[in-house]
Protein backbone atom coordinates (compact mmCIF):
# COMPACT_ATOMS: atom_id res chain seq x y z
CA MET A 1 19.76 -28.83 53.73
CA ASP A 2 21.51 -31.50 55.75
CA PHE A 3 24.92 -30.74 54.21
CA PRO A 4 26.94 -33.03 56.54
CA SER A 5 25.07 -36.09 55.22
CA TYR A 6 25.79 -35.35 51.53
CA PRO A 7 28.93 -37.54 51.34
CA HIS A 8 26.84 -40.52 52.50
CA TRP A 9 24.23 -40.39 49.75
CA ASN A 10 24.91 -37.70 47.12
CA PRO A 11 27.14 -38.89 44.25
CA PHE A 12 27.24 -35.49 42.51
CA LEU A 13 27.47 -32.85 45.27
CA ARG A 14 29.92 -34.78 47.42
CA SER A 15 30.32 -32.01 49.96
CA VAL A 16 28.76 -28.68 50.78
CA CYS A 17 30.31 -26.72 53.63
CA GLY A 18 28.78 -23.60 55.09
CA GLU A 19 25.49 -22.43 56.51
CA PRO A 20 22.27 -22.24 54.48
CA ILE A 21 21.71 -18.56 55.30
CA SER A 22 21.11 -15.86 52.65
CA GLY A 23 24.28 -13.93 51.87
CA THR A 24 26.72 -16.56 53.18
CA ARG A 25 29.35 -18.43 51.18
CA LEU A 26 29.43 -22.17 50.56
CA SER A 27 32.32 -24.40 49.57
CA VAL A 28 31.02 -27.06 47.21
CA ARG A 29 32.77 -30.12 45.77
CA LEU A 30 31.11 -31.27 42.58
CA CYS A 31 31.96 -34.76 41.33
CA PRO A 32 30.79 -35.29 37.75
CA PRO A 33 30.95 -38.94 36.64
CA SER A 34 34.16 -39.75 34.76
CA SER A 35 35.76 -36.42 35.73
CA LYS A 36 37.93 -35.03 38.47
CA PRO A 37 36.18 -33.31 41.41
CA ILE A 38 35.52 -29.61 40.88
CA PRO A 39 35.80 -27.28 43.89
CA LEU A 40 33.40 -24.33 43.73
CA GLN A 41 32.57 -21.31 45.81
CA ALA A 42 28.92 -20.31 45.95
CA GLU A 43 26.78 -17.60 47.48
CA VAL A 44 23.45 -18.42 49.11
CA LEU A 45 20.78 -16.22 47.53
CA ARG A 46 17.56 -17.31 49.20
CA VAL A 47 16.46 -19.73 51.90
CA VAL A 48 12.84 -20.42 52.77
CA PRO A 49 12.82 -23.41 55.16
CA ASN A 50 10.98 -26.43 53.75
CA GLN A 51 10.23 -24.52 50.52
CA GLU A 52 13.16 -23.04 48.60
CA PHE A 53 16.97 -22.91 48.44
CA ARG A 54 18.85 -20.80 45.85
CA TRP A 55 22.59 -20.42 45.40
CA ILE A 56 24.90 -19.13 42.67
CA CYS A 57 28.41 -19.95 41.49
CA ARG A 58 30.31 -17.29 39.58
CA TRP A 59 33.41 -17.89 37.50
CA LEU A 60 36.18 -15.30 37.95
CA PHE A 61 33.82 -12.31 38.35
CA PRO A 62 30.05 -11.66 38.28
CA GLY A 63 28.62 -11.53 34.79
CA LEU A 64 31.25 -13.68 33.07
CA VAL A 65 29.68 -17.07 33.87
CA ASP A 66 27.00 -17.25 36.56
CA LEU A 67 25.27 -20.56 37.31
CA GLU A 68 22.27 -20.23 39.60
CA HIS A 69 20.74 -23.28 41.26
CA ARG A 70 17.18 -23.26 42.57
CA ILE A 71 15.67 -26.11 44.54
CA PHE A 72 12.07 -25.77 45.58
CA LEU A 73 9.35 -28.01 46.91
CA GLU A 74 5.80 -28.10 45.60
CA ALA A 75 3.17 -29.64 47.87
CA GLN A 76 0.56 -31.78 46.14
CA PRO A 77 -2.11 -32.68 48.69
CA PRO A 78 -2.76 -34.95 50.36
CA GLU A 79 0.70 -36.58 50.76
CA ILE A 80 2.89 -35.80 47.76
CA THR A 81 5.75 -33.33 47.46
CA ILE A 82 7.47 -32.62 44.16
CA LEU A 83 11.10 -31.47 44.26
CA HIS A 84 12.14 -29.11 41.44
CA TYR A 85 15.79 -28.46 40.67
CA ARG A 86 16.53 -25.73 38.14
CA GLN A 87 19.78 -24.31 36.85
CA THR A 88 20.09 -20.98 35.07
CA LEU A 89 23.29 -20.20 33.21
CA ARG A 90 23.92 -16.51 32.50
CA GLY A 91 26.80 -14.25 31.65
CA LEU A 92 29.03 -13.11 28.81
CA LEU A 93 30.49 -16.59 28.17
CA ALA A 94 27.30 -18.54 28.89
CA PRO A 95 26.45 -19.15 25.20
CA CYS A 96 29.93 -20.57 24.63
CA ILE A 97 29.82 -23.12 27.45
CA TRP A 98 26.09 -23.94 27.63
CA ARG A 99 26.25 -27.22 25.67
CA PHE A 100 29.42 -28.41 27.46
CA GLN A 101 27.98 -27.58 30.90
CA ARG A 102 24.72 -29.35 30.12
CA GLN A 103 26.43 -32.48 28.81
CA SER A 104 28.94 -32.67 31.65
CA SER A 105 26.39 -32.06 34.42
CA ARG A 106 23.47 -34.16 33.22
CA PRO A 107 24.76 -37.63 34.25
CA GLY A 108 25.74 -36.32 37.69
CA MET A 109 22.41 -34.60 38.22
CA GLU A 110 20.54 -37.75 37.16
CA ALA A 111 22.60 -39.81 39.64
CA MET A 112 21.89 -37.26 42.36
CA ASN A 113 18.16 -37.29 41.58
CA GLU A 114 18.03 -41.09 41.74
CA ALA A 115 19.97 -41.14 45.04
CA LEU A 116 17.66 -38.50 46.52
CA LYS A 117 14.57 -40.44 45.40
CA GLU A 118 15.92 -43.61 47.01
CA ARG A 119 16.79 -41.74 50.22
CA ALA A 120 13.35 -40.12 50.45
CA GLU A 121 11.48 -43.34 49.73
CA THR A 122 13.58 -45.30 52.21
CA ALA A 123 12.87 -42.69 54.91
CA ILE A 124 9.13 -42.94 54.29
CA TRP A 125 9.01 -46.71 54.78
CA ARG A 126 11.17 -46.93 57.92
């Protein structure tokens, strides 16, 4: 949720501007590897501090192409937390762009996951 630090560690979501409050808008700059940056507008759907964050990007109008992102934490006692990141693609054109979206996003999401893992593990051992 520390959006100002994203440019320092996140290779995929290079910037997120806005407040993590349900109903607010975010300006997101997505940087897929080997592609130009993609500016997006998103709406925050749900925020549960230290548990869940959901937001959605819609292309042109709701129901055409909607991409929902859900990040949630799962506690595994005694000292493990699993981060889940899920995307749900819906809308009239979703079947047409599903394969392209998956292929174009996967390398960026993998890079983001690796950077987040490194950041979390570095913080633990400081």
